[in-house]
Amino acid sequence: MKLSELLAFVTVVETGNITQAAERLNRVQSSISHRIRSLEDNLDVILFDRKNDGCSPTAQGQILYDYALKILNLADDCKNNISYSKTNQITIRVGIIECLPPYIISSLIDLGQDLGWNIDISIGNTISLLSAFEKNEFDAVIIGAGFSNAQHTRSILLSSELVIITEKNRPSITDISSLDGEVFLLSSKKCATSTRNFNVLFSEGNITPKRVVECGSYPVLFSSIAAGKGVSLVLRCSISSEVKSKIEIHPLSGQFNDFNIELVYRPDCPYLDCAKFAGMMTSVFQDPRLRDIGY
């Protein structure tokens, strides 16, 4: 049984006349008659008592009429709900620090769609993202740990390591103090997380850099490192396999092994299932590639 056949049948019952049913549905009479015959053939019953002045449903026709109304109403409800979900999909505004690999963003978007959410992502640095979050411009931010305050609801998503990167074939760095007098590159001086990590590195290694150069983006930073224009301190998982082949990676020890990235979000957001959202974020950051060199 097709919905078009059931609609024709119900309309004939309600008008008592094939001609009027055809007019109501903007169809020719032969089309309505064909759909009624198709139903009768499919069910192997006579659905109407046909008379010169019209037609009325048989006992079997009345049974079908009751079910047909329910089926057509359910079909309408289904169509309306689907249409509503398309135009009223929940949009979740998320800010993410730029040092994370691009597959994290793709995974968030894909998982959000699976849950019926539109994940609207913006990239920035920790301080600017946290400031925007405070102004209610984001529902959640993924930032370097240590900058949010006790009033924020937060959870650690990733504990990873920072590494020194240099031009290819540079000998292993066994003592970070050997980096004294080097040109250090960073993506942005506005990035509080990078600035803090560099300050810790300089302090721990008793390093005075020749100068600190702002590159503006990670792609420019990596290409500059490959060209031998300086050294940098980056999150290991931010290095792609393509970049890895062009640079040298030098592991660090101590506090550089547990660089934390955290999720800060609003637990009282009226349109967000916070438990489900936090679970989705946690699952994304369990990606094994985050523990590998490059991606």
Protein backbone atom coordinates (compact mmCIF):
# COMPACT_ATOMS: atom_id res chain seq x y z
CA MET A 1 0.00 0.00 0.00
CA LYS A 2 1.24 3.43 -0.97
CA LEU A 3 0.48 6.67 0.85
CA SER A 4 -0.94 8.10 -2.38
CA GLU A 5 -3.39 5.18 -2.59
CA LEU A 6 -4.46 5.56 1.03
CA LEU A 7 -4.96 9.32 0.55
CA ALA A 8 -7.13 8.70 -2.51
CA PHE A 9 -9.13 6.09 -0.62
CA VAL A 10 -9.71 8.31 2.43
CA THR A 11 -10.74 11.22 0.22
CA VAL A 12 -13.30 9.07 -1.61
CA VAL A 13 -14.74 7.90 1.71
CA GLU A 14 -15.00 11.47 2.98
CA THR A 15 -16.51 12.91 -0.22
CA GLY A 16 -18.57 9.82 -1.09
CA ASN A 17 -17.74 10.39 -4.72
CA ILE A 18 -14.74 9.68 -6.97
CA THR A 19 -15.38 12.81 -9.01
CA GLN A 20 -15.29 15.06 -5.92
CA ALA A 21 -12.25 13.20 -4.57
CA ALA A 22 -10.42 13.84 -7.84
CA GLU A 23 -11.27 17.53 -7.67
CA ARG A 24 -10.10 17.82 -4.06
CA LEU A 25 -6.79 16.10 -4.83
CA ASN A 26 -6.38 17.87 -8.17
CA ARG A 27 -6.24 14.57 -10.03
CA VAL A 28 -8.17 13.08 -12.92
CA GLN A 29 -10.91 10.56 -12.06
CA SER A 30 -9.06 7.70 -13.75
CA SER A 31 -6.08 8.25 -11.43
CA ILE A 32 -8.29 7.98 -8.33
CA SER A 33 -10.09 4.92 -9.70
CA HIS A 34 -6.74 3.27 -10.50
CA ARG A 35 -5.47 3.77 -6.94
CA ILE A 36 -8.67 2.35 -5.43
CA ARG A 37 -8.44 -0.72 -7.68
CA SER A 38 -4.79 -1.16 -6.72
CA LEU A 39 -5.74 -1.22 -3.04
CA GLU A 40 -8.57 -3.69 -3.66
CA ASP A 41 -6.27 -5.98 -5.67
CA ASN A 42 -3.58 -5.78 -2.99
CA LEU A 43 -6.00 -6.54 -0.13
CA ASP A 44 -8.22 -8.88 -2.20
CA VAL A 45 -11.40 -7.16 -1.01
CA ILE A 46 -14.10 -4.80 -2.28
CA LEU A 47 -13.68 -1.47 -0.51
CA PHE A 48 -16.78 0.38 -1.75
CA ASP A 49 -20.43 -0.24 -2.44
CA ARG A 50 -20.82 1.67 -5.66
CA LYS A 51 -24.19 3.25 -6.50
CA ASN A 52 -25.38 5.77 -9.04
CA ASP A 53 -25.35 8.60 -6.51
CA GLY A 54 -21.92 7.79 -5.06
CA CYS A 55 -20.16 5.14 -3.02
CA SER A 56 -19.83 4.15 0.60
CA PRO A 57 -17.22 1.94 2.30
CA THR A 58 -17.88 -1.76 2.83
CA ALA A 59 -17.14 -3.33 6.22
CA GLN A 60 -13.60 -4.03 5.04
CA GLY A 61 -13.41 -0.51 3.64
CA GLN A 62 -14.35 0.94 7.02
CA ILE A 63 -11.55 -1.06 8.70
CA LEU A 64 -9.05 0.24 6.15
CA TYR A 65 -10.35 3.79 6.59
CA ASP A 66 -9.64 3.73 10.34
CA TYR A 67 -6.09 2.47 9.77
CA ALA A 68 -5.48 4.76 6.80
CA LEU A 69 -6.25 7.84 8.89
CA LYS A 70 -3.70 6.76 11.48
CA ILE A 71 -1.07 5.97 8.84
CA LEU A 72 -1.52 9.28 7.04
CA ASN A 73 -1.41 11.20 10.32
CA LEU A 74 1.79 9.40 11.33
CA ALA A 75 3.31 10.16 7.94
CA ASP A 76 2.47 13.85 8.38
CA ASP A 77 3.95 13.88 11.88
CA CYS A 78 7.11 12.22 10.59
CA LYS A 79 7.47 14.73 7.76
CA ASN A 80 6.86 17.68 10.08
CA ASN A 81 9.35 16.47 12.68
CA ILE A 82 12.03 15.91 10.07
CA SER A 83 11.40 19.36 8.64
CA TYR A 84 11.55 20.87 12.14
CA SER A 85 14.80 19.10 12.95
CA LYS A 86 16.40 20.42 9.76
CA THR A 87 15.55 24.02 10.52
CA ASN A 88 15.95 23.86 14.30
CA GLN A 89 19.12 21.82 14.69
CA ILE A 90 20.96 22.74 17.87
CA THR A 91 24.07 24.80 17.17
CA ILE A 92 26.89 24.48 19.68
CA ARG A 93 29.56 27.17 19.52
CA VAL A 94 33.01 25.78 20.30
CA GLY A 95 36.34 27.60 20.37
CA ILE A 96 39.52 25.54 19.87
CA ILE A 97 43.19 26.44 20.25
CA GLU A 98 45.01 26.36 16.94
CA CYS A 99 47.77 23.92 17.89
CA LEU A 100 45.48 20.89 17.68
CA PRO A 101 45.60 18.71 14.54
CA PRO A 102 42.82 19.23 11.96
CA TYR A 103 41.34 15.73 12.37
CA ILE A 104 40.13 16.79 15.83
CA ILE A 105 37.89 19.40 14.24
CA SER A 106 36.63 16.92 11.62
CA SER A 107 35.83 14.36 14.32
CA LEU A 108 33.92 16.91 16.39
CA ILE A 109 31.83 17.97 13.40
CA ASP A 110 31.10 14.36 12.38
CA LEU A 111 30.17 13.18 15.89
CA GLY A 112 28.06 16.29 16.42
CA GLN A 113 26.07 15.51 13.28
CA ASP A 114 25.53 11.94 14.51
CA LEU A 115 24.00 13.42 17.67
CA GLY A 116 21.90 15.95 15.76
CA TRP A 117 24.10 18.91 16.66
CA ASN A 118 25.66 21.53 14.44
CA ILE A 119 29.14 22.14 15.86
CA ASP A 120 30.18 25.69 14.97
CA ILE A 121 33.96 25.88 15.46
CA SER A 122 36.25 28.90 15.76
CA ILE A 123 40.03 28.78 16.08
CA GLY A 124 42.00 31.07 18.36
CA ASN A 125 44.42 31.32 21.27
CA THR A 126 43.69 30.43 24.87
CA ILE A 127 43.22 33.94 26.26
CA SER A 128 41.04 35.24 23.42
CA LEU A 129 38.90 32.09 23.47
CA LEU A 130 38.46 32.25 27.24
CA SER A 131 37.57 35.94 27.03
CA ALA A 132 34.95 35.20 24.35
CA PHE A 133 33.59 32.37 26.49
CA GLU A 134 33.15 34.79 29.39
CA LYS A 135 31.16 37.06 27.06
CA ASN A 136 28.88 34.14 26.16
CA GLU A 137 30.20 34.00 22.59
CA PHE A 138 30.99 30.29 23.01
CA ASP A 139 29.19 27.41 24.70
CA ALA A 140 32.51 25.64 25.27
CA VAL A 141 36.20 26.19 24.64
CA ILE A 142 39.12 23.80 24.33
CA ILE A 143 42.19 25.58 25.66
CA GLY A 144 45.51 25.11 27.40
CA ALA A 145 45.01 24.21 31.04
CA GLY A 146 45.86 26.64 33.79
CA PHE A 147 44.08 29.78 32.62
CA SER A 148 40.46 29.11 33.58
CA ASN A 149 39.31 29.82 37.13
CA ALA A 150 37.53 27.85 39.84
CA GLN A 151 34.13 29.12 38.72
CA HIS A 152 34.46 27.36 35.38
CA THR A 153 33.29 23.80 34.81
CA ARG A 154 36.23 22.07 33.18
CA SER A 155 37.79 18.71 32.53
CA ILE A 156 41.14 17.56 31.14
CA LEU A 157 40.84 16.20 27.61
CA LEU A 158 44.46 15.51 26.77
CA SER A 159 47.77 15.24 28.54
CA SER A 160 50.52 15.26 25.94
CA GLU A 161 54.13 16.29 25.55
CA LEU A 162 55.92 19.32 24.20
CA VAL A 163 58.95 18.86 21.97
CA ILE A 164 61.65 21.06 20.51
CA ILE A 165 61.66 21.14 16.71
CA THR A 166 64.63 22.21 14.60
CA GLU A 167 65.84 21.96 11.03
CA LYS A 168 66.48 18.46 9.69
CA ASN A 169 69.60 16.55 10.75
CA ARG A 170 70.41 18.76 13.71
CA PRO A 171 72.15 16.65 16.39
CA SER A 172 70.06 15.51 19.35
CA ILE A 173 69.54 18.09 22.06
CA THR A 174 70.57 16.50 25.34
CA ASP A 175 70.73 19.70 27.36
CA ILE A 176 68.21 22.48 26.72
CA SER A 177 70.74 25.04 27.86
CA SER A 178 72.43 24.46 24.48
CA LEU A 179 69.52 26.43 22.99
CA ASP A 180 70.83 29.62 24.60
CA GLY A 181 71.19 32.35 21.98
CA GLU A 182 68.90 30.66 19.45
CA VAL A 183 66.14 32.35 17.46
CA PHE A 184 62.85 31.01 18.79
CA LEU A 185 59.74 30.91 16.62
CA LEU A 186 56.16 30.82 17.89
CA SER A 187 52.84 31.00 16.13
CA SER A 188 51.55 34.05 18.00
CA LYS A 189 52.74 36.22 20.85
CA LYS A 190 49.09 36.57 21.85
CA CYS A 191 48.95 32.84 22.58
CA ALA A 192 49.25 32.77 26.37
CA THR A 193 49.82 29.02 26.45
CA SER A 194 52.81 29.19 24.09
CA THR A 195 54.21 32.25 25.85
CA ARG A 196 53.95 30.53 29.22
CA ASN A 197 55.61 27.36 27.92
CA PHE A 198 58.43 29.34 26.32
CA ASN A 199 59.00 31.26 29.56
CA VAL A 200 59.21 27.98 31.48
CA LEU A 201 61.66 26.61 28.92
CA PHE A 202 63.83 29.73 29.08
CA SER A 203 63.81 29.70 32.88
CA GLU A 204 64.52 25.99 33.26
CA GLY A 205 67.30 26.01 30.68
CA ASN A 206 68.74 29.39 31.69
CA ILE A 207 68.16 30.45 28.10
CA THR A 208 68.34 33.96 26.70
CA PRO A 209 66.97 33.79 23.15
CA LYS A 210 68.61 35.80 20.41
CA ARG A 211 65.09 36.92 19.59
CA VAL A 212 61.53 35.58 19.59
CA VAL A 213 59.81 35.73 16.21
CA GLU A 214 56.05 35.60 15.71
CA CYS A 215 55.12 33.58 12.60
CA GLY A 216 51.35 34.17 12.61
CA SER A 217 50.34 30.56 12.00
CA TYR A 218 51.53 27.01 12.48
CA PRO A 219 52.07 26.33 8.74
CA VAL A 220 54.42 29.33 8.52
CA LEU A 221 56.14 28.28 11.75
CA PHE A 222 56.80 24.75 10.50
CA SER A 223 58.05 25.89 7.09
CA SER A 224 60.37 28.40 8.77
CA ILE A 225 61.77 25.70 11.05
CA ALA A 226 62.37 23.42 8.05
CA ALA A 227 64.21 26.30 6.35
CA GLY A 228 66.56 26.62 9.33
CA LYS A 229 65.31 29.99 10.51
CA GLY A 230 65.10 29.02 14.16
CA VAL A 231 63.78 26.51 16.70
CA SER A 232 60.43 26.14 18.40
CA LEU A 233 58.52 24.43 21.19
CA VAL A 234 55.32 22.71 20.02
CA LEU A 235 52.85 20.04 20.99
CA ARG A 236 53.98 16.75 19.46
CA CYS A 237 50.56 15.91 18.04
CA SER A 238 50.50 19.21 16.11
CA ILE A 239 53.20 17.89 13.76
CA SER A 240 51.90 16.28 10.59
CA SER A 241 53.68 13.38 8.89
CA GLU A 242 54.55 15.69 6.01
CA VAL A 243 56.14 18.23 8.33
CA LYS A 244 57.85 15.49 10.34
CA SER A 245 59.87 14.42 7.29
CA LYS A 246 61.29 17.94 6.94
CA ILE A 247 62.29 18.71 10.55
CA GLU A 248 63.99 17.16 13.54
CA ILE A 249 62.01 16.42 16.72
CA HIS A 250 63.78 16.55 20.09
CA PRO A 251 61.96 15.12 23.14
CA LEU A 252 62.00 16.96 26.46
CA SER A 253 61.57 15.68 29.98
CA GLY A 254 60.02 16.83 33.24
CA GLN A 255 57.04 19.15 33.16
CA PHE A 256 57.06 19.28 29.36
CA ASN A 257 55.75 15.71 29.27
CA ASP A 258 52.32 16.60 30.66
CA PHE A 259 51.03 19.57 28.72
CA ASN A 260 47.30 19.58 29.45
CA ILE A 261 44.44 20.66 27.24
CA GLU A 262 41.08 21.15 28.92
CA LEU A 263 37.43 21.59 28.07
CA VAL A 264 35.61 24.54 29.64
CA TYR A 265 31.84 24.54 29.21
CA ARG A 266 28.54 25.77 30.64
CA PRO A 267 26.76 23.11 32.74
CA ASP A 268 23.56 25.19 32.80
CA CYS A 269 23.22 25.61 29.03
CA PRO A 270 19.44 25.15 28.45
CA TYR A 271 19.69 23.49 25.03
CA LEU A 272 22.72 21.28 25.64
CA ASP A 273 22.91 17.80 27.12
CA CYS A 274 26.14 18.51 28.99
CA ALA A 275 26.87 14.90 29.95
CA LYS A 276 26.49 13.77 26.35
CA PHE A 277 28.54 16.73 25.10
CA ALA A 278 31.40 16.11 27.55
CA GLY A 279 31.34 12.41 26.64
CA MET A 280 31.61 13.26 22.95
CA MET A 281 34.58 15.53 23.61
CA THR A 282 36.31 12.87 25.68
CA SER A 283 35.84 10.26 22.96
CA VAL A 284 37.34 12.57 20.31
CA PHE A 285 40.46 13.11 22.40
CA GLN A 286 40.96 9.38 22.84
CA ASP A 287 42.07 9.24 19.21
CA PRO A 288 45.33 7.18 19.24
CA ARG A 289 46.92 9.55 16.74
CA LEU A 290 47.22 12.12 19.52
CA ARG A 291 49.75 9.84 21.19
CA ASP A 292 51.78 9.30 18.03
CA ILE A 293 54.34 11.46 16.28
CA GLY A 294 52.53 13.46 13.68
CA TYR A 295 49.30 12.62 11.96
